[in-house]
């Protein structure tokens, strides 16, 4: 799994942590703005407002860009699950083209493989699921080669090998889009720094204009914390509120279980 320094922070900590940091940042900017107003009376609010608007505009651009990256990866994970379920289903159907005893043994192990892939969504057993999947790949391929050795010119066995090869390839694709394709740390750092600059600038402008602390400051911080939490959640494939629906795999497993040995 492609871990980043952010993965050291539990997901449930992100929202309160971001909210507290945001409130502290706003307050620091507000107090600094009040101090500047008392010490430097010549500083005008209009130029400061224009600069704050520019910073918030840059922040909005980076937020949209980062959210788009996270959402596209989430969508790729959904498609990977559907593609893998279709490939396993095709491979399972083509086991009927194989001779016995490989036919029954491969069908049984494909059912076990589908169970493992369905359960791989949990962070607790992801490493174990990957290891089991790769071991089953070896077993399935060995059995398929045994069937091919019996008749090297069999078109039916060739069709099965083609489907099995696609199933193994899609496992690698699902690992890549689910675990290795993450938002780069450089983008995260840019996003967090711009968020802090935007909040401190809003606070500074409020203090400079001698405005009393407004409840809108809390609402603004909640909004930023919520959006950032959503992006972090989208970037983590195997935990959080936004998980890829495994229904295609579940439906496939039910279909397999209805088929007699």
Protein backbone atom coordinates (compact mmCIF):
# COMPACT_ATOMS: atom_id res chain seq x y z
CA UNK A 1 0.00 0.00 0.00
CA UNK A 2 1.33 3.44 -0.98
CA UNK A 3 1.37 5.15 2.42
CA UNK A 4 1.86 8.90 2.86
CA UNK A 5 2.66 10.86 6.04
CA UNK A 6 -1.02 11.83 6.22
CA UNK A 7 -1.94 8.16 6.68
CA UNK A 8 -0.34 8.29 10.12
CA UNK A 9 -3.28 10.48 11.21
CA UNK A 10 -6.51 8.48 11.80
CA UNK A 11 -9.28 9.60 9.50
CA UNK A 12 -11.68 10.38 12.34
CA UNK A 13 -9.14 12.93 13.71
CA UNK A 14 -9.02 14.98 10.53
CA UNK A 15 -12.22 16.98 10.81
CA UNK A 16 -11.78 18.16 14.44
CA UNK A 17 -8.06 18.72 13.86
CA UNK A 18 -8.66 20.81 10.74
CA UNK A 19 -11.41 22.76 12.49
CA UNK A 20 -9.26 23.60 15.54
CA UNK A 21 -6.28 24.60 13.38
CA UNK A 22 -8.58 26.74 11.23
CA UNK A 23 -10.10 28.55 14.22
CA UNK A 24 -6.65 29.22 15.71
CA UNK A 25 -5.40 30.50 12.34
CA UNK A 26 -8.38 32.82 11.93
CA UNK A 27 -7.94 34.15 15.47
CA UNK A 28 -4.24 34.80 14.91
CA UNK A 29 -5.01 36.71 11.73
CA UNK A 30 -7.76 38.66 13.47
CA UNK A 31 -5.55 39.73 16.36
CA UNK A 32 -2.71 40.65 14.05
CA UNK A 33 -5.13 42.77 11.98
CA UNK A 34 -6.34 44.60 15.08
CA UNK A 35 -2.76 45.25 16.15
CA UNK A 36 -1.88 46.58 12.68
CA UNK A 37 -4.90 48.87 12.72
CA UNK A 38 -3.72 50.45 15.96
CA UNK A 39 -0.07 50.72 14.90
CA UNK A 40 -0.38 51.53 11.19
CA UNK A 41 -3.40 53.69 10.60
CA UNK A 42 -2.41 54.40 6.98
CA UNK A 43 -3.11 50.83 5.81
CA UNK A 44 -6.28 50.83 3.74
CA UNK A 45 -8.84 48.03 3.70
CA UNK A 46 -9.52 48.02 -0.07
CA UNK A 47 -6.06 46.78 -1.20
CA UNK A 48 -6.06 44.19 1.59
CA UNK A 49 -9.51 42.96 0.51
CA UNK A 50 -8.25 42.58 -3.07
CA UNK A 51 -5.26 40.53 -1.92
CA UNK A 52 -7.45 38.35 0.30
CA UNK A 53 -9.76 37.74 -2.65
CA UNK A 54 -6.76 36.71 -4.79
CA UNK A 55 -5.56 34.23 -2.14
CA UNK A 56 -9.06 32.77 -1.75
CA UNK A 57 -9.31 32.48 -5.53
CA UNK A 58 -6.07 30.48 -5.65
CA UNK A 59 -7.32 28.33 -2.78
CA UNK A 60 -10.60 27.66 -4.61
CA UNK A 61 -8.66 26.59 -7.70
CA UNK A 62 -6.43 24.17 -5.76
CA UNK A 63 -9.43 22.80 -3.84
CA UNK A 64 -11.30 22.14 -7.09
CA UNK A 65 -8.23 20.58 -8.70
CA UNK A 66 -7.52 18.30 -5.71
CA UNK A 67 -11.16 17.28 -5.34
CA UNK A 68 -11.28 16.43 -9.05
CA UNK A 69 -8.20 14.20 -8.65
CA UNK A 70 -9.68 12.39 -5.64
CA UNK A 71 -13.10 11.98 -7.29
CA UNK A 72 -11.58 10.60 -10.52
CA UNK A 73 -9.60 8.03 -8.52
CA UNK A 74 -12.75 7.04 -6.64
CA UNK A 75 -14.56 6.58 -9.95
CA UNK A 76 -11.65 4.50 -11.29
CA UNK A 77 -11.89 2.23 -8.24
CA UNK A 78 -15.63 1.70 -8.90
CA UNK A 79 -14.98 0.77 -12.52
CA UNK A 80 -12.14 -1.56 -11.50
CA UNK A 81 -14.47 -3.53 -9.20
CA UNK A 82 -17.04 -3.94 -11.99
CA UNK A 83 -14.40 -4.93 -14.55
CA UNK A 84 -12.86 -7.47 -12.19
CA UNK A 85 -16.26 -8.98 -11.35
CA UNK A 86 -17.05 -9.33 -15.06
CA UNK A 87 -13.67 -10.93 -15.75
CA UNK A 88 -14.01 -13.43 -12.89
CA UNK A 89 -17.54 -14.24 -14.01
CA UNK A 90 -16.37 -14.93 -17.57
CA UNK A 91 -13.50 -17.07 -16.29
CA UNK A 92 -15.90 -19.01 -14.08
CA UNK A 93 -18.24 -19.70 -16.98
CA UNK A 94 -15.35 -20.88 -19.15
CA UNK A 95 -14.33 -23.48 -16.58
CA UNK A 96 -17.05 -25.55 -18.22
CA UNK A 97 -14.76 -25.81 -21.27
CA UNK A 98 -12.09 -27.64 -19.25
CA UNK A 99 -11.77 -31.37 -18.67
CA UNK A 100 -12.14 -32.97 -15.27
CA UNK A 101 -10.69 -32.96 -12.63
CA UNK A 102 -9.36 -29.44 -13.36
CA UNK A 103 -12.86 -28.12 -14.11
CA UNK A 104 -14.30 -28.71 -10.62
CA UNK A 105 -11.10 -27.74 -8.80
CA UNK A 106 -10.68 -24.46 -10.70
CA UNK A 107 -14.37 -23.59 -10.20
CA UNK A 108 -14.02 -24.18 -6.46
CA UNK A 109 -10.91 -22.01 -6.22
CA UNK A 110 -12.50 -19.26 -8.30
CA UNK A 111 -15.37 -19.15 -5.79
CA UNK A 112 -12.83 -18.86 -2.99
CA UNK A 113 -11.00 -16.14 -4.95
CA UNK A 114 -14.23 -14.16 -5.32
CA UNK A 115 -14.83 -14.40 -1.58
CA UNK A 116 -11.36 -13.03 -0.89
CA UNK A 117 -11.79 -10.16 -3.37
CA UNK A 118 -15.19 -9.28 -1.85
CA UNK A 119 -13.72 -9.10 1.65
CA UNK A 120 -10.62 -7.10 0.65
CA UNK A 121 -12.34 -3.74 1.32
CA UNK A 122 -11.45 -3.80 5.02
CA UNK A 123 -8.17 -2.17 6.08
CA UNK A 124 -7.71 -4.81 8.75
CA UNK A 125 -7.25 -7.68 6.30
CA UNK A 126 -6.07 -5.99 3.12
CA UNK A 127 -2.49 -7.33 3.23
CA UNK A 128 -3.77 -10.81 3.99
CA UNK A 129 -6.33 -10.60 1.17
CA UNK A 130 -3.66 -9.56 -1.33
CA UNK A 131 -1.43 -12.45 -0.26
CA UNK A 132 -4.33 -14.94 -0.54
CA UNK A 133 -5.30 -13.55 -3.95
CA UNK A 134 -1.78 -13.92 -5.32
CA UNK A 135 -1.49 -17.44 -3.94
CA UNK A 136 -4.78 -18.38 -5.61
CA UNK A 137 -3.46 -16.91 -8.87
CA UNK A 138 -0.58 -19.38 -8.76
CA UNK A 139 -2.86 -22.30 -7.95
CA UNK A 140 -5.35 -21.42 -10.70
CA UNK A 141 -2.62 -20.93 -13.27
CA UNK A 142 -0.99 -24.25 -12.35
CA UNK A 143 -4.30 -26.10 -12.73
CA UNK A 144 -4.97 -24.33 -16.04
CA UNK A 145 -1.57 -25.39 -17.35
CA UNK A 146 -2.28 -28.96 -16.32
CA UNK A 147 -5.48 -28.84 -18.38
CA UNK A 148 -3.58 -27.33 -21.32
CA UNK A 149 -0.93 -30.05 -21.17
CA UNK A 150 -3.59 -32.68 -21.84
CA UNK A 151 -4.39 -31.13 -25.21
CA UNK A 152 -2.04 -28.40 -26.39
CA UNK A 153 -4.16 -27.67 -29.47
CA UNK A 154 -7.43 -27.18 -27.54
CA UNK A 155 -9.11 -23.89 -28.47
CA UNK A 156 -11.43 -24.22 -25.45
CA UNK A 157 -8.55 -24.33 -22.99
CA UNK A 158 -6.96 -21.38 -24.78
CA UNK A 159 -10.13 -19.34 -24.26
CA UNK A 160 -10.08 -20.17 -20.57
CA UNK A 161 -6.41 -19.20 -20.25
CA UNK A 162 -7.18 -15.88 -21.92
CA UNK A 163 -9.94 -15.15 -19.37
CA UNK A 164 -7.78 -16.21 -16.44
CA UNK A 165 -4.96 -13.99 -17.63
CA UNK A 166 -7.36 -11.02 -17.83
CA UNK A 167 -8.58 -11.76 -14.28
CA UNK A 168 -5.02 -11.70 -12.96
CA UNK A 169 -4.26 -8.47 -14.86
CA UNK A 170 -7.35 -6.78 -13.43
CA UNK A 171 -6.26 -7.72 -9.93
CA UNK A 172 -3.06 -5.73 -10.55
CA UNK A 173 -5.09 -2.84 -11.96
CA UNK A 174 -7.39 -2.81 -8.93
CA UNK A 175 -4.40 -2.75 -6.60
CA UNK A 176 -2.94 0.19 -8.50
CA UNK A 177 -6.05 2.37 -8.61
CA UNK A 178 -7.09 1.41 -5.09
CA UNK A 179 -3.85 1.52 -3.13
CA UNK A 180 -1.06 3.07 -5.16
CA UNK A 181 -2.73 5.88 -7.10
CA UNK A 182 -2.89 8.58 -4.41
CA UNK A 183 -2.86 12.36 -4.33
CA UNK A 184 0.83 13.42 -4.21
CA UNK A 185 2.13 14.86 -0.95
CA UNK A 186 3.27 18.03 -2.74
CA UNK A 187 -0.34 18.83 -3.67
CA UNK A 188 -1.50 18.13 -0.10
CA UNK A 189 1.13 20.51 1.30
CA UNK A 190 0.19 23.23 -1.21
CA UNK A 191 -3.49 22.79 -0.35
CA UNK A 192 -2.97 22.96 3.41
CA UNK A 193 -0.62 25.95 3.20
CA UNK A 194 -3.02 27.87 0.95
CA UNK A 195 -5.90 27.05 3.30
CA UNK A 196 -3.98 28.45 6.27
CA UNK A 197 -2.98 31.54 4.28
CA UNK A 198 -6.59 32.06 3.20
CA UNK A 199 -7.95 31.78 6.75
CA UNK A 200 -5.29 33.99 8.30
CA UNK A 201 -5.93 36.56 5.56
CA UNK A 202 -9.68 36.56 6.24
CA UNK A 203 -8.99 37.01 9.94
CA UNK A 204 -6.49 39.76 9.24
CA UNK A 205 -8.94 41.67 7.08
CA UNK A 206 -11.64 41.37 9.75
CA UNK A 207 -9.27 42.67 12.43
CA UNK A 208 -8.04 45.48 10.22
CA UNK A 209 -11.59 46.67 9.57
CA UNK A 210 -12.37 46.68 13.33
CA UNK A 211 -15.18 44.16 12.83
CA UNK A 212 -16.27 42.15 15.86
CA UNK A 213 -15.74 38.39 15.72
CA UNK A 214 -18.56 36.98 13.64
CA UNK A 215 -20.21 33.52 13.80
CA UNK A 216 -19.47 33.40 10.08
CA UNK A 217 -15.83 32.77 10.98
CA UNK A 218 -16.84 29.48 12.61
CA UNK A 219 -19.06 28.59 9.64
CA UNK A 220 -16.23 29.37 7.21
CA UNK A 221 -13.83 27.16 9.16
CA UNK A 222 -16.38 24.34 9.30
CA UNK A 223 -16.84 24.58 5.53
CA UNK A 224 -13.10 24.37 4.81
CA UNK A 225 -12.64 21.52 7.31
CA UNK A 226 -15.56 19.63 5.76
CA UNK A 227 -14.26 19.93 2.19
CA UNK A 228 -10.72 18.94 3.18
CA UNK A 229 -12.05 15.97 5.15
CA UNK A 230 -14.08 14.87 2.13
CA UNK A 231 -10.98 14.96 -0.10
CA UNK A 232 -8.95 12.99 2.44
CA UNK A 233 -11.77 10.43 2.69
CA UNK A 234 -11.93 10.05 -1.09
CA UNK A 235 -8.17 9.51 -1.22
CA UNK A 236 -8.29 6.61 1.27
CA UNK A 237 -9.76 3.63 -0.50
CA UNK A 238 -10.26 1.22 2.38
CA UNK A 239 -11.55 3.33 5.24
CA UNK A 240 -13.89 6.19 5.97
CA UNK A 241 -17.41 7.02 4.90
CA UNK A 242 -16.85 6.82 1.15
CA UNK A 243 -16.07 3.24 0.19
CA UNK A 244 -16.49 1.66 -3.21
CA UNK A 245 -19.62 -0.50 -3.37
CA UNK A 246 -18.67 -4.18 -3.69
CA UNK A 247 -22.13 -5.20 -4.93
CA UNK A 248 -20.88 -6.53 -8.32
CA UNK A 249 -18.59 -8.95 -6.46
CA UNK A 250 -21.33 -9.89 -3.99
CA UNK A 251 -23.80 -10.59 -6.81
CA UNK A 252 -21.19 -12.69 -8.64
CA UNK A 253 -20.48 -14.73 -5.51
CA UNK A 254 -24.20 -15.41 -5.01
CA UNK A 255 -24.45 -16.58 -8.63
CA UNK A 256 -21.50 -18.92 -8.12
CA UNK A 257 -22.99 -20.37 -4.94
CA UNK A 258 -26.19 -21.25 -6.77
CA UNK A 259 -24.26 -23.35 -9.29
CA UNK A 260 -23.82 -26.96 -8.09
CA UNK A 261 -20.35 -28.46 -7.73
